[in-house]
Every structure is written in C-alpha cells, then in structure tokens.
Protein backbone atom coordinates (compact mmCIF):
# COMPACT_ATOMS: atom_id res chain seq x y z
CA MET A 1 17.84 -31.19 45.29
CA ALA A 2 14.26 -31.89 46.36
CA GLU A 3 11.55 -31.61 43.73
CA VAL A 4 9.37 -28.52 44.11
CA ASP A 5 5.61 -28.99 44.28
CA LEU A 6 4.49 -25.96 42.28
CA ALA A 7 0.83 -26.43 43.20
CA THR A 8 1.72 -26.22 46.90
CA VAL A 9 3.89 -23.15 46.30
CA PHE A 10 1.05 -21.44 44.40
CA ASP A 11 -1.47 -22.22 47.12
CA ALA A 12 0.83 -20.97 49.88
CA GLU A 13 1.85 -17.77 48.07
CA PRO A 14 1.13 -14.91 50.53
CA VAL A 15 -0.06 -12.61 47.73
CA ALA A 16 -3.57 -13.28 46.39
CA CYS A 17 -3.31 -15.01 43.00
CA ALA A 18 -5.87 -16.46 40.59
CA VAL A 19 -5.70 -18.19 37.24
CA ILE A 20 -8.28 -16.98 34.71
CA SER A 21 -9.22 -18.68 31.42
CA PRO A 22 -9.47 -16.86 28.05
CA ASP A 23 -13.25 -17.03 28.61
CA LEU A 24 -12.62 -14.92 31.74
CA GLU A 25 -13.63 -17.65 34.17
CA PHE A 26 -11.74 -18.58 37.35
CA VAL A 27 -9.70 -21.74 36.89
CA ALA A 28 -7.74 -21.73 40.16
CA VAL A 29 -7.20 -19.50 43.21
CA ASN A 30 -4.78 -19.73 46.12
CA GLN A 31 -5.53 -19.46 49.83
CA ALA A 32 -4.74 -15.75 49.98
CA TYR A 33 -7.24 -15.11 47.19
CA GLU A 34 -9.85 -17.17 49.05
CA ARG A 35 -9.40 -14.98 52.13
CA LEU A 36 -9.99 -11.97 49.92
CA ALA A 37 -12.83 -13.10 47.61
CA GLY A 38 -14.41 -16.11 49.30
CA PRO A 39 -14.18 -19.94 49.16
CA ARG A 40 -12.76 -21.34 45.95
CA GLU A 41 -15.83 -23.55 45.52
CA GLN A 42 -17.80 -20.32 44.94
CA LEU A 43 -15.22 -18.99 42.46
CA ILE A 44 -13.97 -21.83 40.25
CA GLY A 45 -15.90 -22.00 36.99
CA ARG A 46 -17.60 -18.62 37.45
CA ARG A 47 -16.98 -15.54 35.33
CA VAL A 48 -14.80 -12.90 36.90
CA PHE A 49 -17.45 -10.20 36.62
CA ASP A 50 -20.05 -12.28 38.46
CA VAL A 51 -18.08 -12.15 41.72
CA LEU A 52 -16.71 -8.63 41.57
CA PRO A 53 -17.90 -6.07 44.12
CA GLY A 54 -20.41 -3.82 42.42
CA GLY A 55 -21.65 -6.47 39.99
CA ALA A 56 -20.99 -7.14 36.32
CA ASP A 57 -22.15 -3.67 35.22
CA GLY A 58 -20.32 -1.54 37.74
CA GLU A 59 -17.33 0.74 37.23
CA ASN A 60 -15.07 -1.83 38.86
CA ALA A 61 -16.11 -4.45 36.29
CA ALA A 62 -15.45 -2.04 33.42
CA HIS A 63 -11.86 -1.55 34.62
CA TRP A 64 -11.31 -5.28 34.98
CA ARG A 65 -12.83 -6.03 31.59
CA SER A 66 -10.57 -3.49 29.90
CA ALA A 67 -7.49 -4.89 31.60
CA LEU A 68 -8.23 -8.57 30.91
CA GLU A 69 -9.23 -7.98 27.28
CA TRP A 70 -5.99 -6.04 26.78
CA VAL A 71 -3.95 -8.99 28.07
CA LEU A 72 -5.81 -11.38 25.76
CA ALA A 73 -5.39 -9.12 22.73
CA GLU A 74 -1.79 -8.02 23.26
CA ALA A 75 -0.30 -10.97 25.19
CA GLN A 76 1.34 -8.38 27.45
CA PRO A 77 1.03 -7.70 31.20
CA TYR A 78 -1.37 -4.99 32.35
CA VAL A 79 -0.93 -3.13 35.64
CA MET A 80 -4.20 -1.67 36.86
CA PRO A 81 -4.24 1.64 38.79
CA TRP A 82 -4.25 1.06 42.52
CA GLY A 83 -7.62 1.44 44.17
CA ARG A 84 -9.51 1.11 47.41
CA TYR A 85 -11.67 -1.87 48.26
CA ASP A 86 -12.73 -2.31 51.88
CA ALA A 87 -12.39 -5.82 53.27
CA GLN A 88 -14.53 -7.40 55.96
CA VAL A 89 -12.82 -7.86 59.30
CA PRO A 90 -12.42 -11.61 60.01
CA GLY A 91 -14.90 -12.80 62.64
CA ARG A 92 -16.86 -9.54 62.57
CA PRO A 93 -19.62 -9.79 59.96
CA GLY A 94 -20.67 -6.43 58.56
CA VAL A 95 -17.57 -4.66 59.82
CA TYR A 96 -15.17 -3.46 57.13
CA GLU A 97 -11.78 -1.82 57.18
CA LYS A 98 -10.07 0.24 54.53
CA ARG A 99 -7.79 -1.61 52.16
CA TYR A 100 -5.79 -0.46 49.12
CA TRP A 101 -4.76 -2.86 46.39
CA SER A 102 -2.38 -3.08 43.46
CA THR A 103 -3.51 -5.44 40.68
CA VAL A 104 -1.40 -7.03 37.93
CA ASN A 105 -2.69 -9.22 35.10
CA ALA A 106 -0.09 -11.18 33.15
CA PRO A 107 -0.47 -13.62 30.23
CA LEU A 108 0.51 -17.27 30.39
CA LEU A 109 1.43 -18.22 26.81
CA ASP A 110 1.23 -21.60 25.13
CA ALA A 111 3.83 -23.06 22.74
CA ALA A 112 2.35 -21.11 19.83
CA GLY A 113 2.57 -17.79 21.65
CA ARG A 114 -1.17 -17.51 22.28
CA VAL A 115 -2.64 -16.56 25.66
CA ALA A 116 -3.61 -19.83 27.35
CA MET A 117 -4.33 -18.39 30.80
CA ILE A 118 -4.15 -15.09 32.68
CA ILE A 119 -2.35 -14.83 36.01
CA HIS A 120 -4.27 -12.35 38.15
CA ARG A 121 -2.35 -11.01 41.16
CA ILE A 122 -3.69 -8.67 43.86
CA GLU A 123 -1.33 -7.21 46.46
CA ASP A 124 -2.38 -5.34 49.60
CA ILE A 125 -0.60 -1.95 49.63
CA THR A 126 -2.62 -0.47 52.47
CA ALA A 127 0.49 0.02 54.63
CA PHE A 128 2.17 2.07 51.93
CA ILE A 129 -0.88 4.23 51.29
CA GLU A 130 -1.41 4.81 55.01
CA GLN A 131 2.04 6.36 55.18
CA LEU A 132 0.72 9.05 52.87
CA ARG A 133 -2.54 9.58 54.76
CA ASP A 134 -3.49 10.63 58.21
CA GLU A 135 -3.19 7.24 59.94
CA ARG A 136 -0.35 8.45 62.16
CA PRO A 137 0.38 8.19 65.88
CA GLN A 138 -1.37 10.84 67.97
CA GLY A 139 0.39 14.17 68.04
CA VAL A 140 2.34 13.61 64.85
CA GLU A 141 1.55 16.28 62.25
CA VAL A 142 1.15 15.10 58.67
CA PRO A 143 3.76 16.85 56.47
CA VAL A 144 2.15 18.98 53.79
CA ASP A 145 4.56 17.55 51.23
CA LEU A 146 3.31 14.04 51.92
CA LEU A 147 -0.27 15.12 51.37
CA ARG A 148 0.77 16.72 48.10
CA VAL A 149 2.50 13.50 47.05
CA GLU A 150 -0.64 11.54 47.88
CA VAL A 151 -2.83 13.80 45.78
CA GLU A 152 -0.31 13.82 42.94
CA LEU A 153 -0.02 10.02 43.05
CA TYR A 154 -3.78 9.60 42.90
CA VAL A 155 -4.21 12.11 40.06
CA ARG A 156 -1.33 10.67 38.02
CA SER A 157 -2.67 7.16 38.55
CA ARG A 158 -6.02 8.15 37.04
CA GLU A 159 -4.28 10.01 34.20
CA LEU A 160 -2.14 6.94 33.50
CA GLN A 161 -5.26 4.79 33.27
CA SER A 162 -6.81 7.19 30.76
CA VAL A 163 -3.61 7.39 28.72
CA ASN A 164 -3.30 3.60 28.69
CA HIS A 165 -6.87 3.30 27.45
CA ARG A 166 -6.27 5.79 24.63
CA LEU A 167 -2.99 4.10 23.75
CA ARG A 168 -4.65 0.69 23.51
CA GLN A 169 -7.41 2.16 21.35
CA ALA A 170 -4.85 3.84 19.09
CA GLN A 171 -2.87 0.62 18.77
CA ARG A 172 -5.99 -1.33 17.85
CA GLU A 173 -6.89 1.27 15.21
CA GLU A 174 -3.33 1.23 13.89
CA ARG A 175 -3.30 -2.55 13.59
CA ARG A 176 -6.68 -2.51 11.85
CA ALA A 177 -5.60 0.23 9.44
CA SER A 178 -2.30 -1.55 8.74
CA ALA A 179 -4.07 -4.82 8.03
CA GLU A 180 -6.53 -3.09 5.70
CA LEU A 181 -3.69 -1.27 3.94
CA ARG A 182 -1.73 -4.49 3.45
CA GLU A 183 -4.82 -6.18 2.10
CA THR A 184 -5.53 -3.27 -0.26
CA VAL A 185 -1.94 -3.16 -1.53
CA GLN A 186 -1.92 -6.91 -2.08
CA ARG A 187 -5.25 -6.75 -3.91
CA GLN A 188 -4.06 -3.89 -6.08
CA ARG A 189 -0.85 -5.70 -6.92
CA GLN A 190 -2.81 -8.77 -7.91
CA GLU A 191 -5.23 -6.71 -9.98
CA VAL A 192 -2.37 -4.94 -11.78
CA ALA A 193 -0.72 -8.30 -12.49
CA ASP A 194 -3.99 -9.77 -13.75
CA ALA A 195 -4.73 -6.69 -15.87
CA SER A 196 -1.23 -6.77 -17.34
CA HIS A 197 -1.65 -10.44 -18.21
CA ASP A 198 -5.03 -9.93 -19.86
CA LEU A 199 -3.84 -6.85 -21.78
CA ARG A 200 -0.65 -8.55 -22.92
CA SER A 201 -2.47 -11.29 -24.82
CA PRO A 202 -4.36 -9.10 -27.33
CA LEU A 203 -1.43 -6.70 -27.57
CA THR A 204 0.91 -9.56 -28.41
CA GLY A 205 -1.54 -10.92 -30.98
CA LEU A 206 -1.95 -7.50 -32.55
CA GLN A 207 1.80 -6.95 -32.71
CA THR A 208 2.44 -10.41 -34.16
CA ARG A 209 -0.15 -9.97 -36.90
CA LEU A 210 1.17 -6.55 -37.90
CA GLU A 211 4.76 -7.79 -37.96
CA SER A 212 3.71 -10.75 -40.16
CA ALA A 213 1.86 -8.44 -42.52
CA LEU A 214 4.92 -6.25 -42.90
CA ALA A 215 7.26 -9.22 -43.35
CA GLU A 216 5.02 -10.98 -45.91
CA PRO A 217 3.78 -8.54 -48.59
CA ASP A 218 1.54 -11.21 -50.15
CA VAL A 219 -0.50 -11.81 -47.00
CA ASP A 220 -4.24 -11.16 -47.15
CA SER A 221 -4.52 -7.67 -45.65
CA ARG A 222 -8.25 -7.98 -44.97
CA GLU A 223 -7.71 -11.11 -42.90
CA VAL A 224 -4.94 -9.38 -40.93
CA LEU A 225 -7.05 -6.29 -40.37
CA HIS A 226 -10.04 -8.37 -39.28
CA ALA A 227 -7.91 -10.24 -36.70
CA ALA A 228 -6.33 -6.96 -35.57
CA LEU A 229 -9.79 -5.46 -35.14
CA GLN A 230 -10.78 -8.35 -32.89
CA ASP A 231 -7.68 -7.79 -30.75
CA ALA A 232 -8.44 -4.06 -30.57
CA GLU A 233 -12.04 -4.77 -29.55
CA ARG A 234 -10.83 -7.08 -26.76
CA LEU A 235 -8.44 -4.36 -25.57
CA SER A 236 -11.29 -1.87 -25.64
CA ASP A 237 -13.50 -4.22 -23.60
CA ILE A 238 -10.84 -4.70 -20.93
CA VAL A 239 -10.07 -0.98 -20.67
CA SER A 240 -13.77 -0.13 -20.54
CA ASP A 241 -14.34 -2.63 -17.73
CA LEU A 242 -11.33 -1.34 -15.80
CA LEU A 243 -12.55 2.24 -16.11
CA GLU A 244 -16.02 1.22 -14.92
CA LEU A 245 -14.54 -0.54 -11.88
CA ALA A 246 -12.38 2.50 -11.12
CA ARG A 247 -15.48 4.69 -11.26
CA LEU A 248 -17.39 2.36 -8.95
CA ASP A 249 -14.45 2.09 -6.54
CA SER A 250 -14.17 5.86 -6.31
CA GLY A 251 -17.77 6.09 -5.09
CA ALA A 252 -18.48 8.83 -7.60
CA PRO A 253 -22.22 9.56 -7.50
CA ALA A 254 -24.19 8.58 -10.58
CA ALA A 255 -27.37 10.19 -11.81
CA THR A 256 -30.35 8.18 -10.56
CA GLU A 257 -33.97 7.91 -11.57
CA PRO A 258 -36.93 5.63 -10.87
CA VAL A 259 -36.22 2.36 -12.72
CA GLU A 260 -38.88 -0.31 -13.18
CA LEU A 261 -36.95 -3.58 -13.19
CA CYS A 262 -39.50 -5.49 -15.27
CA ASP A 263 -39.19 -2.91 -18.04
CA LEU A 264 -35.42 -3.01 -17.63
CA VAL A 265 -35.41 -6.80 -18.12
CA ARG A 266 -37.54 -6.55 -21.27
CA ASP A 267 -35.20 -3.90 -22.65
CA ALA A 268 -32.09 -5.97 -21.83
CA LEU A 269 -33.54 -9.15 -23.37
CA ALA A 270 -34.48 -7.25 -26.52
CA ARG A 271 -30.85 -6.19 -26.88
CA HIS A 272 -29.37 -9.57 -25.93
CA ASN A 273 -29.05 -12.00 -28.81
CA CYS A 274 -29.26 -15.35 -27.06
CA ALA A 275 -29.36 -18.73 -28.81
CA LEU A 276 -30.76 -20.46 -25.69
CA ALA A 277 -34.35 -20.67 -24.46
CA LEU A 278 -35.22 -17.65 -22.31
CA HIS A 279 -38.00 -17.87 -19.73
CA THR A 280 -39.20 -14.88 -17.75
CA SER A 281 -41.46 -14.34 -14.78
CA LEU A 282 -41.93 -10.63 -14.20
CA ASP A 283 -44.12 -9.31 -11.41
CA PRO A 284 -44.41 -5.52 -11.71
CA PRO A 285 -44.20 -2.99 -10.32
CA ALA A 286 -40.65 -3.29 -8.93
CA VAL A 287 -39.42 0.31 -8.97
CA VAL A 288 -35.97 1.14 -7.59
CA ASP A 289 -33.99 4.35 -7.44
CA GLY A 290 -30.89 3.79 -9.55
CA SER A 291 -28.86 4.29 -12.66
CA ARG A 292 -30.63 2.74 -15.64
CA THR A 293 -27.35 2.46 -17.57
CA GLY A 294 -25.56 0.81 -14.65
CA LEU A 295 -28.38 -1.65 -13.99
CA LEU A 296 -28.60 -2.53 -17.69
CA ARG A 297 -24.90 -3.32 -17.67
CA LEU A 298 -25.28 -5.39 -14.50
CA LEU A 299 -28.10 -7.41 -16.04
CA ALA A 300 -26.19 -7.83 -19.32
CA ASN A 301 -23.22 -9.22 -17.35
CA LEU A 302 -25.44 -11.68 -15.50
CA LEU A 303 -27.07 -12.80 -18.76
CA ALA A 304 -23.67 -13.23 -20.43
CA ASN A 305 -22.45 -15.29 -17.48
CA ALA A 306 -25.58 -17.47 -17.54
CA GLU A 307 -25.32 -17.99 -21.30
CA ARG A 308 -21.69 -18.99 -20.94
CA HIS A 309 -22.56 -21.86 -18.59
CA ALA A 310 -26.15 -22.84 -19.46
CA ARG A 311 -26.90 -26.05 -21.34
CA SER A 312 -30.25 -25.08 -22.84
CA ARG A 313 -32.23 -22.72 -20.61
CA ILE A 314 -31.98 -19.35 -18.84
CA GLU A 315 -34.62 -18.04 -16.44
CA VAL A 316 -35.06 -14.39 -15.45
CA THR A 317 -37.48 -13.44 -12.69
CA VAL A 318 -38.39 -10.19 -10.97
CA ALA A 319 -40.42 -10.00 -7.76
CA CYS A 320 -40.76 -7.94 -4.59
CA ASP A 321 -39.86 -9.24 -1.15
CA GLY A 322 -40.69 -6.90 1.70
CA GLY A 323 -38.96 -3.62 0.93
CA GLU A 324 -36.67 -5.07 -1.73
CA ALA A 325 -36.84 -5.78 -5.43
CA VAL A 326 -35.44 -9.22 -6.22
CA LEU A 327 -34.01 -10.06 -9.65
CA GLU A 328 -32.83 -13.61 -10.33
CA VAL A 329 -30.92 -14.93 -13.34
CA ALA A 330 -30.64 -18.72 -13.34
CA ASP A 331 -29.16 -21.24 -15.75
CA ASP A 332 -29.26 -25.03 -16.03
CA GLY A 333 -25.49 -25.42 -16.28
CA PRO A 334 -23.13 -27.41 -14.02
CA GLY A 335 -23.39 -24.88 -11.18
CA ILE A 336 -20.71 -23.35 -8.98
CA PRO A 337 -19.30 -25.25 -5.99
CA PRO A 338 -19.98 -23.51 -2.63
CA ASP A 339 -16.27 -22.92 -2.00
CA GLU A 340 -15.99 -20.88 -5.22
CA ARG A 341 -19.09 -18.72 -4.83
CA GLN A 342 -17.16 -15.81 -3.34
CA ALA A 343 -14.19 -16.19 -5.66
CA VAL A 344 -16.20 -15.75 -8.87
CA PHE A 345 -16.83 -12.12 -7.89
CA ARG A 346 -13.09 -11.38 -7.71
CA ARG A 347 -11.59 -9.38 -10.51
CA PHE A 348 -10.08 -11.39 -13.35
CA TYR A 349 -11.12 -14.65 -11.69
CA ARG A 350 -12.20 -17.15 -14.34
CA ARG A 351 -13.05 -20.78 -13.79
CA ALA A 352 -11.67 -23.34 -16.22
CA ASP A 353 -15.06 -23.97 -17.84
CA ALA A 354 -15.53 -20.22 -18.35
CA ARG A 355 -12.19 -19.96 -20.15
CA ARG A 356 -13.13 -22.84 -22.41
CA ALA A 357 -16.57 -21.40 -23.17
CA ASP A 358 -15.33 -17.85 -23.77
CA PRO A 359 -11.55 -17.53 -24.18
CA ASN A 360 -11.86 -13.80 -24.82
CA GLY A 361 -13.74 -12.96 -21.62
CA THR A 362 -12.23 -10.34 -19.30
CA GLY A 363 -13.09 -11.90 -15.95
CA LEU A 364 -14.49 -8.55 -14.81
CA GLY A 365 -18.20 -8.91 -15.53
CA LEU A 366 -19.30 -10.30 -12.18
CA ALA A 367 -16.95 -7.96 -10.29
CA ILE A 368 -18.63 -5.01 -12.02
CA ALA A 369 -22.07 -6.48 -11.28
CA LEU A 370 -21.24 -6.84 -7.58
CA GLN A 371 -19.87 -3.30 -7.30
CA THR A 372 -22.92 -1.94 -9.15
CA ALA A 373 -25.23 -3.76 -6.71
CA ARG A 374 -23.37 -2.25 -3.75
CA ALA A 375 -23.51 1.21 -5.35
CA HIS A 376 -27.30 0.77 -5.34
CA HIS A 377 -27.24 -0.22 -1.63
CA GLY A 378 -28.04 -3.78 -2.64
CA THR A 379 -26.49 -7.24 -2.64
CA LEU A 380 -25.57 -9.81 -5.24
CA ARG A 381 -25.03 -13.44 -4.29
CA ILE A 382 -25.32 -16.98 -5.56
CA ALA A 383 -28.32 -18.82 -4.13
CA ASP A 384 -28.37 -22.48 -3.14
CA ARG A 385 -29.87 -24.54 -5.93
CA PRO A 386 -30.02 -28.29 -6.67
CA SER A 387 -28.53 -27.72 -10.11
CA GLY A 388 -27.27 -24.85 -12.20
CA THR A 389 -26.46 -21.36 -10.94
CA CYS A 390 -28.84 -18.69 -9.68
CA MET A 391 -27.60 -15.13 -9.29
CA VAL A 392 -29.79 -13.11 -6.91
CA LEU A 393 -29.78 -9.31 -6.94
CA ARG A 394 -31.58 -7.47 -4.13
CA ILE A 395 -32.08 -3.68 -4.25
CA PRO A 396 -34.23 -1.53 -1.95
CA LEU A 397 -37.52 -0.54 -3.50
CA GLN A 398 -38.16 3.13 -4.07
CA PRO A 399 -40.20 4.43 -1.10
CA PRO A 400 -43.79 5.36 -1.93
CA PRO A 401 -44.53 9.08 -2.34
CA CYS A 402 -45.67 10.90 0.77
CA ARG A 403 -49.38 11.65 0.95
CA ARG A 404 -50.36 15.26 1.09
CA GLY A 405 -53.54 16.98 2.19
CA GLY A 406 -55.40 17.90 5.30
CA GLY A 407 -56.78 14.50 6.18
CA GLY A 408 -59.93 14.57 4.01
CA ARG A 409 -61.30 11.35 2.56
CA ALA A 410 -60.02 10.31 -0.84
CA GLY A 411 -63.37 8.68 -1.65
CA PRO A 412 -66.52 7.32 -0.05
CA PRO A 413 -66.18 4.38 2.33
CA ARG A 414 -67.66 1.02 1.52
CA GLY A 415 -71.44 1.03 1.50
CA GLU A 416 -71.79 4.72 0.64
CA PRO A 417 -73.03 5.82 -2.77
C-alpha cells in the first residue's frame, strides 16, 4: 500500500481548513482556505482576528473569539452557528455574491491531553440555504412551509448560540466554585488536624500529671498544679487564637475608631516585656480607622515573632506613604528564605527554629496578624532585606475631615496684617 502524503491531502482538501496555534495565530492553511481568505503568505503568522471581515473588534470577531477560547479551555469541538459572508466573484473585483458558511473548530491534542493546535474548518452551505430561500427557477412558488423552516432554523440557530454561551459560562463558574470548595475543604481538614495535634499535647500532659498525682500520694501537689496550670494556659491560648481566627473568617464587623499608630506602638511596647534592645522611629500623625484591640493584638504578635528570632535588636517604625500608614517590625535574626515567606502566614505553620525558640507557641500568631490586616483593608508581607526579617503592615490612612463653610477665608493671606 502506497504511503499517504498527509500534507498533500490537507492542501487538496476541497473544504477550507486552517491550523491555528493556542496563541490564535494561523499556522497553516490549505488551498481552499486561500481561495476564501487570501494568499497564505498574508495569513501565516498573523492573528485570526487581524484578517477577519469586520476587524478585530467586530461582532464576527467576538463570535470567533468565544468559539476558539472555548476549544482551548475545554479541549472539545465547537460548532459555530451558520452565517452569511459574501465572497468576491473570482476575476470581478468589487463584485460579491451571497455565501453561507458552517464553521467547526476542533482541538488537536498532544500526548498530555493539552490543546496543541486548533483545526478550523469552514464549509460552504450556500446550496442548502438557497433551497430554503427564494433562489428558485422562474414560475416556481416558494412553499410557505419552507419559508417557515428557514425562519425557524435561523431563530433556533441564534438561540443555540446564546444557550451555548450561557452553558459555557455556567460550566466555568461551576469549575471555579468546585475548585474553591475543594481547596476550602482541604484547608479546613488540615486546620482541624493541626488544631487536634496542638491541643492533644497539653491535654496529654495535663492528663499524665493528674494520673501521676493520683497514683503517687507523696508527689508534690504544688509542682503538679503548677505544671497543670501551664498546660491549661497553653490550651487557653490555642482556643483563644482559634476563636479569634473564626471571628475574623466570619467577617463579623468590629467596632472601629480613629487609632494613632504611633500611640498604639508606645502602648504595645509599654506592655511588652522584652529582654532585647528596642529601637523605634515614629513619625506621627499616622491615624487609621480600625479596632484598637485588634491592632494591639496584631502588633503584639509581630513583636513576639521578632523576639523569637532576633539575636539582639528589634526595630519598630511608623511612617506614612501616600494614603497609607506603614508599620514595620524588623529583627536582626537569621531571616526567612523567600520560598517560605508565604508559608509562615499559614495556620499552625512553624519553622524548626521557631519550635526550638518557643516550643509552646501555637503557630497562629502570624495568621491572626494577616487576617487582622485584611480586616482593616490592609496588607501584611515580609519585605526584602539583606539580613533579618522585616514585617511590613500597610493600612489606609483615615481620610481628612471634610471642610465646611461658604468659601470664606480661614485667615489673611501672606503679606496682609
């Protein structure tokens, strides 16, 4: 059996065919497509929408874009509604005749199942449509039923296009919602597992100490009670943090007031008993609209994190940048590698050095700080720094009060007494 030259078969195919890349550029066209759209030298390498009748912003381009993007997203064929596009009569420039076309776009998949190319096929169905219209021999009356079929076919074709568009939109929304739901369920499962692990440790310690005290009457009760109190305090810390995260996740509104961040920092440092050197640079006023209690807890968490990793020094600065208040808490510790800077804000995530420095930490402090920043329409991130770690909080400044009055001068201009 003779070997088939597929390139020759493609080029000789009587139906107009083109191969389109995922970037929606023409890769190849056959002779029939050339007769329809022009020489291949003017097509290959150009975007589909640049050669469409009506231009890249026309209705025709919108239909094509929808169809081709569907094929790329779903890896499924897309049949476009038939439509009319008049073609120029060969050898008669400027003279056009009516033509009706049926267009199919089909994916060409690679070994991994991804769309490598799109096969674009346009078939002339003018003869079929003319049977439903008035192009009949003279004296032949057009049956009313045929006219009704034509109208019904046209209307249903447009309805099908609209339904397909809504179906694709619904499928995209469903996939997005399903992905978000899976991610949420997985995150919740992980959080429950992490919470169970962190709660089990103090509970086990508390139970062991109480069982030992009951089994050994001569044990020092004060020592047992002191250790049990520490376990209970750790349990209380974890539960308190979990409740705070649940409140933040729920989006429950908190009472807000004007908060001057420089005063807030002074208050937090007065409460924070730190054995390291503390250096501040406060540039008031930096007034934000927020929860003073929530922001105090955020700052306390950042200070605790800095103290856990710092070698000898912690710096706290407050400044204004455009319409934002900027609070930075920096330490001179070993720093956080770039690939871990997102992970440290996950719940219960604790780096090895953090566990060594504070075995009783909950791993929720930075997660609470991040959620608190978002609740204040702000951001919390780790800035690039040659050494150490610098946490940067940005919160919108409180807008200045509106001026009132009828436009009179508040005081004399320069040069007047």
